[in-house]
Amino acid sequence: MFENIPANRQQKRTSGVQRRGQERRKAIIDAAESLLAEQGYEAATLKAIGERAGIPTASMYHYFPDRHQVEAELLRRHTAELDALITATLDEPEAQTLREAVDVVIDLLRDYYRANPSCTQLWFAGRHQILVDLVEAFDEVQAERLWRHLVDRGLASADTPLLAVQLSFEVGNRLFDVAFRRSPDGDDTTIDEARRLITAYLESYA
């Protein structure tokens, strides 16, 4: 079919198709983000996402096999942004105590969830296993990063087990879930209780 088409023209045609495909994938992800933020998890069906993106439902399957793959791609975008924020925060530390370090991480997560309600919907309302796996993988990486930071800076005892920080992330997730079910902006009282619980637990190793 392409045997008489010059190679450079064929390459341009192929790259154009790839670019349009990438643009459509981005439009789908952006549409999912806005729907989740505006209407919540249950409303963000594949059909609704397609309508928001201006792409027929039948054509959606060329880019994503189901809504969960769309959600996973969006959640990967959020975890990449969070990873960069946490990395930058720990690279330029201001915390002088364990309590302050816990506050820094909790404040960072709270502010990100508040600014990105689509992330909150996926993190806490989305119960599909692919989302659960992404959250668990993220928490595992961040827990080890925070543990090394606390021990290296002398903010936690050298014999503080990694498991203790991993469990702190697990508890934090549960309490953030409660906080954002109580209020769309995250109930401050519940978040403050998370601070107390996690700080007291980690300080028990001092």
Protein backbone atom coordinates (compact mmCIF):
# COMPACT_ATOMS: atom_id res chain seq x y z
CA MET A 1 0.00 0.00 0.00
CA PHE A 2 2.84 2.37 0.87
CA GLU A 3 5.38 1.00 -1.59
CA ASN A 4 5.26 4.07 -3.86
CA ILE A 5 5.25 6.60 -1.03
CA PRO A 6 8.67 8.17 -0.28
CA ALA A 7 10.08 7.08 3.09
CA ASN A 8 10.17 10.58 4.55
CA ARG A 9 6.51 11.17 3.65
CA GLN A 10 5.52 7.85 5.16
CA GLN A 11 7.42 8.69 8.34
CA LYS A 12 5.66 12.07 8.56
CA ARG A 13 2.30 10.35 8.10
CA THR A 14 3.13 7.82 10.82
CA SER A 15 4.37 10.49 13.22
CA GLY A 16 1.24 12.54 12.55
CA VAL A 17 -0.97 9.58 13.45
CA GLN A 18 1.05 8.96 16.61
CA ARG A 19 0.84 12.62 17.59
CA ARG A 20 -2.94 12.65 17.13
CA GLY A 21 -3.17 9.47 19.18
CA GLN A 22 -1.16 11.05 21.99
CA GLU A 23 -3.29 14.19 21.84
CA ARG A 24 -6.47 12.10 22.10
CA ARG A 25 -5.10 10.10 25.03
CA LYS A 26 -4.28 13.35 26.82
CA ALA A 27 -7.76 14.71 26.06
CA ILE A 28 -9.29 11.58 27.57
CA ILE A 29 -7.17 11.83 30.72
CA ASP A 30 -7.95 15.54 31.07
CA ALA A 31 -11.67 14.82 30.64
CA ALA A 32 -11.54 12.12 33.31
CA GLU A 33 -9.76 14.51 35.67
CA SER A 34 -12.39 17.22 35.28
CA LEU A 35 -15.31 14.78 35.62
CA LEU A 36 -13.88 13.21 38.76
CA ALA A 37 -13.30 16.65 40.28
CA GLU A 38 -16.75 17.98 39.38
CA GLN A 39 -19.05 14.98 39.77
CA GLY A 40 -17.20 12.29 41.69
CA TYR A 41 -16.07 8.76 41.03
CA GLU A 42 -19.37 7.13 40.06
CA ALA A 43 -20.09 9.74 37.38
CA ALA A 44 -16.79 9.26 35.55
CA THR A 45 -17.87 6.39 33.31
CA LEU A 46 -16.05 5.67 30.06
CA LYS A 47 -19.05 6.99 28.11
CA ALA A 48 -19.15 10.23 30.13
CA ILE A 49 -15.40 10.69 29.76
CA GLY A 50 -15.68 10.21 26.00
CA GLU A 51 -18.50 12.74 25.77
CA ARG A 52 -16.47 15.27 27.74
CA ALA A 53 -13.44 14.66 25.52
CA GLY A 54 -15.54 14.79 22.33
CA ILE A 55 -14.65 11.21 21.39
CA PRO A 56 -17.31 8.58 20.53
CA THR A 57 -17.51 5.72 23.03
CA ALA A 58 -16.64 3.17 20.34
CA SER A 59 -13.46 5.09 19.54
CA MET A 60 -12.48 5.25 23.21
CA TYR A 61 -11.56 1.56 23.11
CA HIS A 62 -8.78 2.33 20.62
CA TYR A 63 -7.00 4.20 23.42
CA PHE A 64 -8.12 2.53 26.65
CA PRO A 65 -9.77 -0.90 27.07
CA ASP A 66 -11.87 0.27 30.05
CA ARG A 67 -12.33 3.12 32.50
CA HIS A 68 -9.92 1.61 34.99
CA GLN A 69 -7.03 2.02 32.57
CA VAL A 70 -7.98 5.69 32.20
CA GLU A 71 -8.06 6.05 35.98
CA ALA A 72 -4.70 4.31 36.31
CA GLU A 73 -3.09 6.65 33.79
CA LEU A 74 -4.46 9.68 35.62
CA LEU A 75 -3.38 8.33 38.99
CA ARG A 76 0.14 7.74 37.62
CA ARG A 77 0.19 11.41 36.64
CA HIS A 78 -0.76 12.39 40.20
CA THR A 79 1.76 10.05 41.86
CA ALA A 80 4.53 11.40 39.62
CA GLU A 81 3.68 14.95 40.70
CA LEU A 82 3.50 13.94 44.35
CA ASP A 83 6.80 12.09 44.08
CA ALA A 84 8.46 15.23 42.70
CA LEU A 85 6.98 17.37 45.50
CA ILE A 86 8.07 14.99 48.24
CA THR A 87 11.54 14.67 46.72
CA ALA A 88 11.96 18.44 46.59
CA THR A 89 10.67 18.83 50.15
CA LEU A 90 13.05 16.24 51.57
CA ASP A 91 15.97 17.58 49.53
CA GLU A 92 15.47 21.01 51.15
CA PRO A 93 14.43 20.01 54.66
CA GLU A 94 13.08 22.53 57.14
CA ALA A 95 11.95 20.10 59.83
CA GLN A 96 14.13 20.03 62.93
CA THR A 97 12.16 17.41 64.86
CA LEU A 98 10.25 14.22 64.13
CA ARG A 99 6.99 16.00 64.84
CA GLU A 100 7.81 18.73 62.33
CA ALA A 101 8.78 16.14 59.72
CA VAL A 102 5.44 14.37 60.12
CA ASP A 103 3.66 17.71 59.81
CA VAL A 104 5.54 18.57 56.62
CA VAL A 105 4.53 15.34 54.89
CA ILE A 106 0.92 15.47 56.11
CA ASP A 107 0.58 19.13 55.07
CA LEU A 108 2.00 18.37 51.64
CA LEU A 109 -0.44 15.51 51.06
CA ARG A 110 -3.39 17.46 52.47
CA ASP A 111 -2.70 20.46 50.24
CA TYR A 112 -2.25 18.29 47.15
CA TYR A 113 -5.49 16.39 47.76
CA ARG A 114 -7.35 19.65 48.28
CA ALA A 115 -5.95 21.17 45.10
CA ASN A 116 -6.54 17.99 43.08
CA PRO A 117 -9.94 16.48 43.93
CA SER A 118 -9.62 13.99 41.06
CA CYS A 119 -6.66 12.49 42.91
CA THR A 120 -8.70 12.25 46.10
CA GLN A 121 -11.50 10.47 44.23
CA LEU A 122 -9.12 7.90 42.78
CA TRP A 123 -7.10 7.48 45.98
CA PHE A 124 -10.05 6.93 48.29
CA ALA A 125 -13.24 6.32 46.28
CA GLY A 126 -11.73 4.19 43.50
CA ARG A 127 -11.57 0.63 44.80
CA HIS A 128 -10.43 -1.19 41.67
CA GLN A 129 -7.40 -3.37 42.30
CA ILE A 130 -5.23 -1.53 39.77
CA LEU A 131 -5.68 1.70 41.76
CA VAL A 132 -5.08 -0.07 45.07
CA ASP A 133 -1.83 -1.50 43.68
CA LEU A 134 -0.65 1.92 42.47
CA VAL A 135 -1.33 3.53 45.86
CA GLU A 136 0.43 0.70 47.70
CA ALA A 137 3.46 0.91 45.41
CA PHE A 138 3.63 4.69 45.89
CA ASP A 139 3.37 4.41 49.68
CA GLU A 140 6.07 1.75 49.78
CA VAL A 141 8.54 3.98 47.94
CA GLN A 142 7.69 7.09 49.96
CA ALA A 143 7.79 5.26 53.29
CA GLU A 144 11.31 4.02 52.63
CA ARG A 145 12.37 7.49 51.45
CA LEU A 146 10.97 9.14 54.59
CA TRP A 147 12.45 6.47 56.86
CA ARG A 148 15.94 7.03 55.43
CA HIS A 149 15.47 10.80 55.73
CA LEU A 150 14.39 10.59 59.38
CA VAL A 151 17.22 8.26 60.38
CA ASP A 152 19.93 10.00 58.35
CA ARG A 153 19.04 13.41 59.84
CA GLY A 154 18.77 12.06 63.35
CA LEU A 155 15.06 12.87 63.58
CA ALA A 156 14.28 9.24 64.41
CA SER A 157 16.22 6.60 66.26
CA ALA A 158 18.57 4.52 64.11
CA ASP A 159 16.77 1.35 65.21
CA THR A 160 13.36 2.61 64.09
CA PRO A 161 12.11 -0.17 61.81
CA LEU A 162 11.10 0.58 58.25
CA LEU A 163 7.86 -1.25 59.00
CA ALA A 164 6.91 1.47 61.48
CA VAL A 165 7.03 4.14 58.77
CA GLN A 166 5.24 1.86 56.31
CA LEU A 167 2.45 1.35 58.84
CA SER A 168 2.34 5.11 59.42
CA PHE A 169 1.59 5.62 55.74
CA GLU A 170 -1.10 2.94 55.95
CA VAL A 171 -2.72 4.64 58.94
CA GLY A 172 -2.38 8.03 57.26
CA ASN A 173 -4.22 6.76 54.21
CA ARG A 174 -7.08 5.46 56.32
CA LEU A 175 -7.45 8.69 58.24
CA PHE A 176 -7.21 10.86 55.13
CA ASP A 177 -9.98 8.68 53.69
CA VAL A 178 -12.12 9.47 56.74
CA ALA A 179 -11.22 13.16 56.56
CA PHE A 180 -12.28 13.51 52.91
CA ARG A 181 -15.47 11.55 53.47
CA ARG A 182 -16.37 13.94 56.27
CA SER A 183 -15.60 17.02 54.18
CA PRO A 184 -14.79 17.62 50.50
CA ASP A 185 -11.81 19.70 51.66
CA GLY A 186 -10.63 17.16 54.20
CA ASP A 187 -11.79 17.50 57.79
CA ASP A 188 -9.03 19.32 59.69
CA THR A 189 -9.90 17.72 63.02
CA THR A 190 -9.46 14.23 61.59
CA ILE A 191 -6.20 15.21 59.89
CA ASP A 192 -4.90 16.63 63.17
CA GLU A 193 -5.74 13.33 64.87
CA ALA A 194 -3.67 11.60 62.18
CA ARG A 195 -0.74 13.85 63.12
CA ARG A 196 -1.05 12.97 66.80
CA LEU A 197 -1.39 9.25 66.21
CA ILE A 198 1.48 8.92 63.73
CA THR A 199 3.83 11.20 65.67
CA ALA A 200 3.20 9.43 68.98
CA TYR A 201 3.73 6.05 67.32
CA LEU A 202 7.03 6.98 65.71
CA GLU A 203 8.25 8.82 68.81
CA SER A 204 7.78 5.60 70.77
CA TYR A 205 10.95 4.37 69.04
CA ALA A 206 13.01 7.36 70.20
